[in-house]
Amino acid sequence: MWQFDLALILIFSTLGALCAFVITYEEYIKRFTDKKRPLKMAAQAALAAFVFFAVITFLLTYLLGSFIK
């Protein structure tokens, strides 16, 4: 069962991180002339989104798993 939970965490967290990276990079690239700073800030946003979605997905799978049993 934990393999399914891990797969869900990896899928949703990765998709959320990719979306966060693309959105923030596109917005920051318009406002900064330097290319490195928006890339770094977008990577930080992607990491924060990955952690956020990983925690939320873990909590949801844990709670749903405890209700189903």
PDB file of N, CA and C in Angstrom:
ATOM      1  N   MET A   1       0.814  -1.198   0.000  1.00  0.00           N
ATOM      2  CA  MET A   1       0.000   0.000   0.000  1.00  0.00           C
ATOM      3  C   MET A   1       0.864   1.271   0.000  1.00  0.00           C
ATOM      4  N   TRP A   2       2.008   1.205   0.657  1.00  0.00           N
ATOM      5  CA  TRP A   2       2.855   2.392   0.721  1.00  0.00           C
ATOM      6  C   TRP A   2       3.443   2.735  -0.634  1.00  0.00           C
ATOM      7  N   GLN A   3       3.551   1.744  -1.537  1.00  0.00           N
ATOM      8  CA  GLN A   3       4.058   2.032  -2.880  1.00  0.00           C
ATOM      9  C   GLN A   3       3.073   2.922  -3.646  1.00  0.00           C
ATOM     10  N   PHE A   4       1.794   2.650  -3.449  1.00  0.00           N
ATOM     11  CA  PHE A   4       0.763   3.465  -4.093  1.00  0.00           C
ATOM     12  C   PHE A   4       0.800   4.888  -3.551  1.00  0.00           C
ATOM     13  N   ASP A   5       0.950   5.026  -2.239  1.00  0.00           N
ATOM     14  CA  ASP A   5       1.044   6.350  -1.624  1.00  0.00           C
ATOM     15  C   ASP A   5       2.260   7.103  -2.132  1.00  0.00           C
ATOM     16  N   LEU A   6       3.371   6.430  -2.226  1.00  0.00           N
ATOM     17  CA  LEU A   6       4.592   7.059  -2.727  1.00  0.00           C
ATOM     18  C   LEU A   6       4.442   7.474  -4.187  1.00  0.00           C
ATOM     19  N   ALA A   7       3.784   6.639  -4.972  1.00  0.00           N
ATOM     20  CA  ALA A   7       3.556   6.987  -6.375  1.00  0.00           C
ATOM     21  C   ALA A   7       2.676   8.224  -6.494  1.00  0.00           C
ATOM     22  N   LEU A   8       1.628   8.297  -5.682  1.00  0.00           N
ATOM     23  CA  LEU A   8       0.767   9.477  -5.701  1.00  0.00           C
ATOM     24  C   LEU A   8       1.528  10.726  -5.277  1.00  0.00           C
ATOM     25  N   ILE A   9       2.337  10.596  -4.237  1.00  0.00           N
ATOM     26  CA  ILE A   9       3.123  11.734  -3.766  1.00  0.00           C
ATOM     27  C   ILE A   9       4.065  12.219  -4.855  1.00  0.00           C
ATOM     28  N   LEU A  10       4.765  11.301  -5.505  1.00  0.00           N
ATOM     29  CA  LEU A  10       5.714  11.696  -6.545  1.00  0.00           C
ATOM     30  C   LEU A  10       5.019  12.317  -7.753  1.00  0.00           C
ATOM     31  N   ILE A  11       3.891  11.768  -8.136  1.00  0.00           N
ATOM     32  CA  ILE A  11       3.178  12.282  -9.315  1.00  0.00           C
ATOM     33  C   ILE A  11       2.638  13.676  -9.054  1.00  0.00           C
ATOM     34  N   PHE A  12       1.865  13.834  -7.976  1.00  0.00           N
ATOM     35  CA  PHE A  12       1.231  15.128  -7.715  1.00  0.00           C
ATOM     36  C   PHE A  12       2.240  16.194  -7.324  1.00  0.00           C
ATOM     37  N   SER A  13       3.231  15.825  -6.558  1.00  0.00           N
ATOM     38  CA  SER A  13       4.241  16.809  -6.144  1.00  0.00           C
ATOM     39  C   SER A  13       5.071  17.280  -7.332  1.00  0.00           C
ATOM     40  N   THR A  14       5.433  16.362  -8.201  1.00  0.00           N
ATOM     41  CA  THR A  14       6.216  16.730  -9.377  1.00  0.00           C
ATOM     42  C   THR A  14       5.416  17.621 -10.324  1.00  0.00           C
ATOM     43  N   LEU A  15       4.158  17.275 -10.540  1.00  0.00           N
ATOM     44  CA  LEU A  15       3.319  18.111 -11.402  1.00  0.00           C
ATOM     45  C   LEU A  15       3.127  19.503 -10.802  1.00  0.00           C
ATOM     46  N   GLY A  16       2.897  19.565  -9.512  1.00  0.00           N
ATOM     47  CA  GLY A  16       2.742  20.859  -8.847  1.00  0.00           C
ATOM     48  C   GLY A  16       4.014  21.681  -8.915  1.00  0.00           C
ATOM     49  N   ALA A  17       5.154  21.034  -8.721  1.00  0.00           N
ATOM     50  CA  ALA A  17       6.432  21.740  -8.782  1.00  0.00           C
ATOM     51  C   ALA A  17       6.720  22.248 -10.190  1.00  0.00           C
ATOM     52  N   LEU A  18       6.434  21.436 -11.189  1.00  0.00           N
ATOM     53  CA  LEU A  18       6.647  21.882 -12.571  1.00  0.00           C
ATOM     54  C   LEU A  18       5.761  23.070 -12.926  1.00  0.00           C
ATOM     55  N   CYS A  19       4.505  23.008 -12.523  1.00  0.00           N
ATOM     56  CA  CYS A  19       3.600  24.133 -12.787  1.00  0.00           C
ATOM     57  C   CYS A  19       4.062  25.390 -12.070  1.00  0.00           C
ATOM     58  N   ALA A  20       4.466  25.237 -10.818  1.00  0.00           N
ATOM     59  CA  ALA A  20       4.945  26.397 -10.058  1.00  0.00           C
ATOM     60  C   ALA A  20       6.196  26.988 -10.700  1.00  0.00           C
ATOM     61  N   PHE A  21       7.092  26.137 -11.163  1.00  0.00           N
ATOM     62  CA  PHE A  21       8.311  26.625 -11.807  1.00  0.00           C
ATOM     63  C   PHE A  21       7.996  27.402 -13.071  1.00  0.00           C
ATOM     64  N   VAL A  22       7.173  26.837 -13.914  1.00  0.00           N
ATOM     65  CA  VAL A  22       6.859  27.488 -15.194  1.00  0.00           C
ATOM     66  C   VAL A  22       6.146  28.818 -14.964  1.00  0.00           C
ATOM     67  N   ILE A  23       5.173  28.831 -14.074  1.00  0.00           N
ATOM     68  CA  ILE A  23       4.408  30.055 -13.828  1.00  0.00           C
ATOM     69  C   ILE A  23       5.298  31.144 -13.236  1.00  0.00           C
ATOM     70  N   THR A  24       6.064  30.801 -12.206  1.00  0.00           N
ATOM     71  CA  THR A  24       6.893  31.821 -11.569  1.00  0.00           C
ATOM     72  C   THR A  24       8.036  32.272 -12.479  1.00  0.00           C
ATOM     73  N   TYR A  25       8.614  31.352 -13.230  1.00  0.00           N
ATOM     74  CA  TYR A  25       9.689  31.744 -14.141  1.00  0.00           C
ATOM     75  C   TYR A  25       9.172  32.704 -15.209  1.00  0.00           C
ATOM     76  N   GLU A  26       8.013  32.407 -15.765  1.00  0.00           N
ATOM     77  CA  GLU A  26       7.443  33.280 -16.792  1.00  0.00           C
ATOM     78  C   GLU A  26       7.137  34.672 -16.241  1.00  0.00           C
ATOM     79  N   GLU A  27       6.687  34.743 -15.004  1.00  0.00           N
ATOM     80  CA  GLU A  27       6.391  36.042 -14.411  1.00  0.00           C
ATOM     81  C   GLU A  27       7.666  36.797 -14.040  1.00  0.00           C
ATOM     82  N   TYR A  28       8.630  36.100 -13.464  1.00  0.00           N
ATOM     83  CA  TYR A  28       9.860  36.771 -13.033  1.00  0.00           C
ATOM     84  C   TYR A  28      10.734  37.188 -14.206  1.00  0.00           C
ATOM     85  N   ILE A  29      10.702  36.450 -15.295  1.00  0.00           N
ATOM     86  CA  ILE A  29      11.549  36.783 -16.449  1.00  0.00           C
ATOM     87  C   ILE A  29      11.107  38.115 -17.070  1.00  0.00           C
ATOM     88  N   LYS A  30       9.825  38.461 -16.892  1.00  0.00           N
ATOM     89  CA  LYS A  30       9.324  39.738 -17.410  1.00  0.00           C
ATOM     90  C   LYS A  30       9.840  40.918 -16.591  1.00  0.00           C
ATOM     91  N   ARG A  31      10.142  40.675 -15.324  1.00  0.00           N
ATOM     92  CA  ARG A  31      10.465  41.772 -14.413  1.00  0.00           C
ATOM     93  C   ARG A  31      11.952  41.950 -14.139  1.00  0.00           C
ATOM     94  N   PHE A  32      12.762  40.951 -14.440  1.00  0.00           N
ATOM     95  CA  PHE A  32      14.195  41.020 -14.189  1.00  0.00           C
ATOM     96  C   PHE A  32      14.950  40.946 -15.506  1.00  0.00           C
ATOM     97  N   THR A  33      16.023  41.724 -15.608  1.00  0.00           N
ATOM     98  CA  THR A  33      16.844  41.652 -16.811  1.00  0.00           C
ATOM     99  C   THR A  33      17.872  40.533 -16.711  1.00  0.00           C
ATOM    100  N   ASP A  34      18.267  40.211 -15.503  1.00  0.00           N
ATOM    101  CA  ASP A  34      19.214  39.125 -15.261  1.00  0.00           C
ATOM    102  C   ASP A  34      18.492  37.786 -15.385  1.00  0.00           C
ATOM    103  N   LYS A  35      19.106  36.803 -16.020  1.00  0.00           N
ATOM    104  CA  LYS A  35      18.464  35.498 -16.225  1.00  0.00           C
ATOM    105  C   LYS A  35      18.646  34.557 -15.035  1.00  0.00           C
ATOM    106  N   LYS A  36      19.696  34.746 -14.244  1.00  0.00           N
ATOM    107  CA  LYS A  36      19.984  33.807 -13.159  1.00  0.00           C
ATOM    108  C   LYS A  36      19.044  33.989 -11.975  1.00  0.00           C
ATOM    109  N   ARG A  37      18.722  35.217 -11.657  1.00  0.00           N
ATOM    110  CA  ARG A  37      17.881  35.467 -10.482  1.00  0.00           C
ATOM    111  C   ARG A  37      16.470  34.892 -10.654  1.00  0.00           C
ATOM    112  N   PRO A  38      15.793  35.109 -11.790  1.00  0.00           N
ATOM    113  CA  PRO A  38      14.471  34.495 -11.948  1.00  0.00           C
ATOM    114  C   PRO A  38      14.521  32.967 -11.935  1.00  0.00           C
ATOM    115  N   LEU A  39      15.590  32.396 -12.473  1.00  0.00           N
ATOM    116  CA  LEU A  39      15.729  30.950 -12.477  1.00  0.00           C
ATOM    117  C   LEU A  39      15.856  30.417 -11.051  1.00  0.00           C
ATOM    118  N   LYS A  40      16.655  31.100 -10.239  1.00  0.00           N
ATOM    119  CA  LYS A  40      16.834  30.685  -8.849  1.00  0.00           C
ATOM    120  C   LYS A  40      15.538  30.843  -8.058  1.00  0.00           C
ATOM    121  N   MET A  41      14.853  31.948  -8.265  1.00  0.00           N
ATOM    122  CA  MET A  41      13.603  32.181  -7.543  1.00  0.00           C
ATOM    123  C   MET A  41      12.516  31.201  -7.979  1.00  0.00           C
ATOM    124  N   ALA A  42      12.479  30.869  -9.245  1.00  0.00           N
ATOM    125  CA  ALA A  42      11.499  29.902  -9.732  1.00  0.00           C
ATOM    126  C   ALA A  42      11.811  28.502  -9.201  1.00  0.00           C
ATOM    127  N   ALA A  43      13.096  28.167  -9.089  1.00  0.00           N
ATOM    128  CA  ALA A  43      13.477  26.874  -8.524  1.00  0.00           C
ATOM    129  C   ALA A  43      13.091  26.792  -7.050  1.00  0.00           C
ATOM    130  N   GLN A  44      13.234  27.893  -6.323  1.00  0.00           N
ATOM    131  CA  GLN A  44      12.821  27.916  -4.921  1.00  0.00           C
ATOM    132  C   GLN A  44      11.308  27.750  -4.791  1.00  0.00           C
ATOM    133  N   ALA A  45      10.567  28.385  -5.665  1.00  0.00           N
ATOM    134  CA  ALA A  45       9.108  28.246  -5.654  1.00  0.00           C
ATOM    135  C   ALA A  45       8.704  26.812  -5.996  1.00  0.00           C
ATOM    136  N   ALA A  46       9.417  26.205  -6.932  1.00  0.00           N
ATOM    137  CA  ALA A  46       9.124  24.823  -7.301  1.00  0.00           C
ATOM    138  C   ALA A  46       9.416  23.867  -6.149  1.00  0.00           C
ATOM    139  N   LEU A  47      10.507  24.097  -5.441  1.00  0.00           N
ATOM    140  CA  LEU A  47      10.829  23.269  -4.289  1.00  0.00           C
ATOM    141  C   LEU A  47       9.778  23.423  -3.189  1.00  0.00           C
ATOM    142  N   ALA A  48       9.356  24.650  -2.944  1.00  0.00           N
ATOM    143  CA  ALA A  48       8.314  24.884  -1.936  1.00  0.00           C
ATOM    144  C   ALA A  48       7.011  24.206  -2.342  1.00  0.00           C
ATOM    145  N   ALA A  49       6.654  24.269  -3.610  1.00  0.00           N
ATOM    146  CA  ALA A  49       5.433  23.613  -4.089  1.00  0.00           C
ATOM    147  C   ALA A  49       5.557  22.098  -3.983  1.00  0.00           C
ATOM    148  N   PHE A  50       6.731  21.564  -4.283  1.00  0.00           N
ATOM    149  CA  PHE A  50       6.939  20.115  -4.178  1.00  0.00           C
ATOM    150  C   PHE A  50       6.736  19.649  -2.740  1.00  0.00           C
ATOM    151  N   VAL A  51       7.333  20.362  -1.804  1.00  0.00           N
ATOM    152  CA  VAL A  51       7.199  19.989  -0.388  1.00  0.00           C
ATOM    153  C   VAL A  51       5.745  20.129   0.059  1.00  0.00           C
ATOM    154  N   PHE A  52       5.099  21.221  -0.321  1.00  0.00           N
ATOM    155  CA  PHE A  52       3.709  21.449   0.052  1.00  0.00           C
ATOM    156  C   PHE A  52       2.811  20.324  -0.457  1.00  0.00           C
ATOM    157  N   PHE A  53       2.919  20.004  -1.738  1.00  0.00           N
ATOM    158  CA  PHE A  53       2.065  18.964  -2.305  1.00  0.00           C
ATOM    159  C   PHE A  53       2.419  17.580  -1.765  1.00  0.00           C
ATOM    160  N   ALA A  54       3.674  17.344  -1.451  1.00  0.00           N
ATOM    161  CA  ALA A  54       4.058  16.064  -0.867  1.00  0.00           C
ATOM    162  C   ALA A  54       3.415  15.883   0.506  1.00  0.00           C
ATOM    163  N   VAL A  55       3.458  16.929   1.318  1.00  0.00           N
ATOM    164  CA  VAL A  55       2.860  16.846   2.654  1.00  0.00           C
ATOM    165  C   VAL A  55       1.347  16.691   2.562  1.00  0.00           C
ATOM    166  N   ILE A  56       0.709  17.488   1.717  1.00  0.00           N
ATOM    167  CA  ILE A  56      -0.746  17.403   1.568  1.00  0.00           C
ATOM    168  C   ILE A  56      -1.172  16.036   1.042  1.00  0.00           C
ATOM    169  N   THR A  57      -0.472  15.522   0.049  1.00  0.00           N
ATOM    170  CA  THR A  57      -0.810  14.212  -0.505  1.00  0.00           C
ATOM    171  C   THR A  57      -0.593  13.115   0.520  1.00  0.00           C
ATOM    172  N   PHE A  58       0.493  13.199   1.289  1.00  0.00           N
ATOM    173  CA  PHE A  58       0.741  12.219   2.336  1.00  0.00           C
ATOM    174  C   PHE A  58      -0.374  12.242   3.377  1.00  0.00           C
ATOM    175  N   LEU A  59      -0.752  13.432   3.815  1.00  0.00           N
ATOM    176  CA  LEU A  59      -1.818  13.534   4.815  1.00  0.00           C
ATOM    177  C   LEU A  59      -3.145  13.003   4.286  1.00  0.00           C
ATOM    178  N   LEU A  60      -3.466  13.324   3.047  1.00  0.00           N
ATOM    179  CA  LEU A  60      -4.717  12.831   2.469  1.00  0.00           C
ATOM    180  C   LEU A  60      -4.724  11.317   2.320  1.00  0.00           C
ATOM    181  N   THR A  61      -3.625  10.745   1.850  1.00  0.00           N
ATOM    182  CA  THR A  61      -3.591   9.288   1.705  1.00  0.00           C
ATOM    183  C   THR A  61      -3.620   8.609   3.070  1.00  0.00           C
ATOM    184  N   TYR A  62      -2.981   9.201   4.061  1.00  0.00           N
ATOM    185  CA  TYR A  62      -2.995   8.640   5.412  1.00  0.00           C
ATOM    186  C   TYR A  62      -4.407   8.703   5.998  1.00  0.00           C
ATOM    187  N   LEU A  63      -5.068   9.855   5.867  1.00  0.00           N
ATOM    188  CA  LEU A  63      -6.410   9.995   6.408  1.00  0.00           C
ATOM    189  C   LEU A  63      -7.427   9.109   5.678  1.00  0.00           C
ATOM    190  N   LEU A  64      -7.340   9.072   4.380  1.00  0.00           N
ATOM    191  CA  LEU A  64      -8.265   8.219   3.614  1.00  0.00           C
ATOM    192  C   LEU A  64      -7.989   6.747   3.898  1.00  0.00           C
ATOM    193  N   GLY A  65      -6.732   6.393   4.060  1.00  0.00           N
ATOM    194  CA  GLY A  65      -6.393   5.012   4.382  1.00  0.00           C
ATOM    195  C   GLY A  65      -6.901   4.597   5.751  1.00  0.00           C
ATOM    196  N   SER A  66      -6.880   5.502   6.704  1.00  0.00           N
ATOM    197  CA  SER A  66      -7.368   5.160   8.036  1.00  0.00           C
ATOM    198  C   SER A  66      -8.893   5.066   8.057  1.00  0.00           C
ATOM    199  N   PHE A  67      -9.597   5.823   7.204  1.00  0.00           N
ATOM    200  CA  PHE A  67     -11.055   5.724   7.141  1.00  0.00           C
ATOM    201  C   PHE A  67     -11.501   4.462   6.410  1.00  0.00           C
ATOM    202  N   ILE A  68     -10.732   4.027   5.424  1.00  0.00           N
ATOM    203  CA  ILE A  68     -11.106   2.856   4.634  1.00  0.00           C
ATOM    204  C   ILE A  68     -10.922   1.569   5.421  1.00  0.00           C
ATOM    205  N   LYS A  69      -9.887   1.516   6.255  1.00  0.00           N
ATOM    206  CA  LYS A  69      -9.608   0.290   7.010  1.00  0.00           C
ATOM    207  C   LYS A  69     -10.643   0.023   8.001  1.00  0.00           C
TER     208      LYS A  69
END
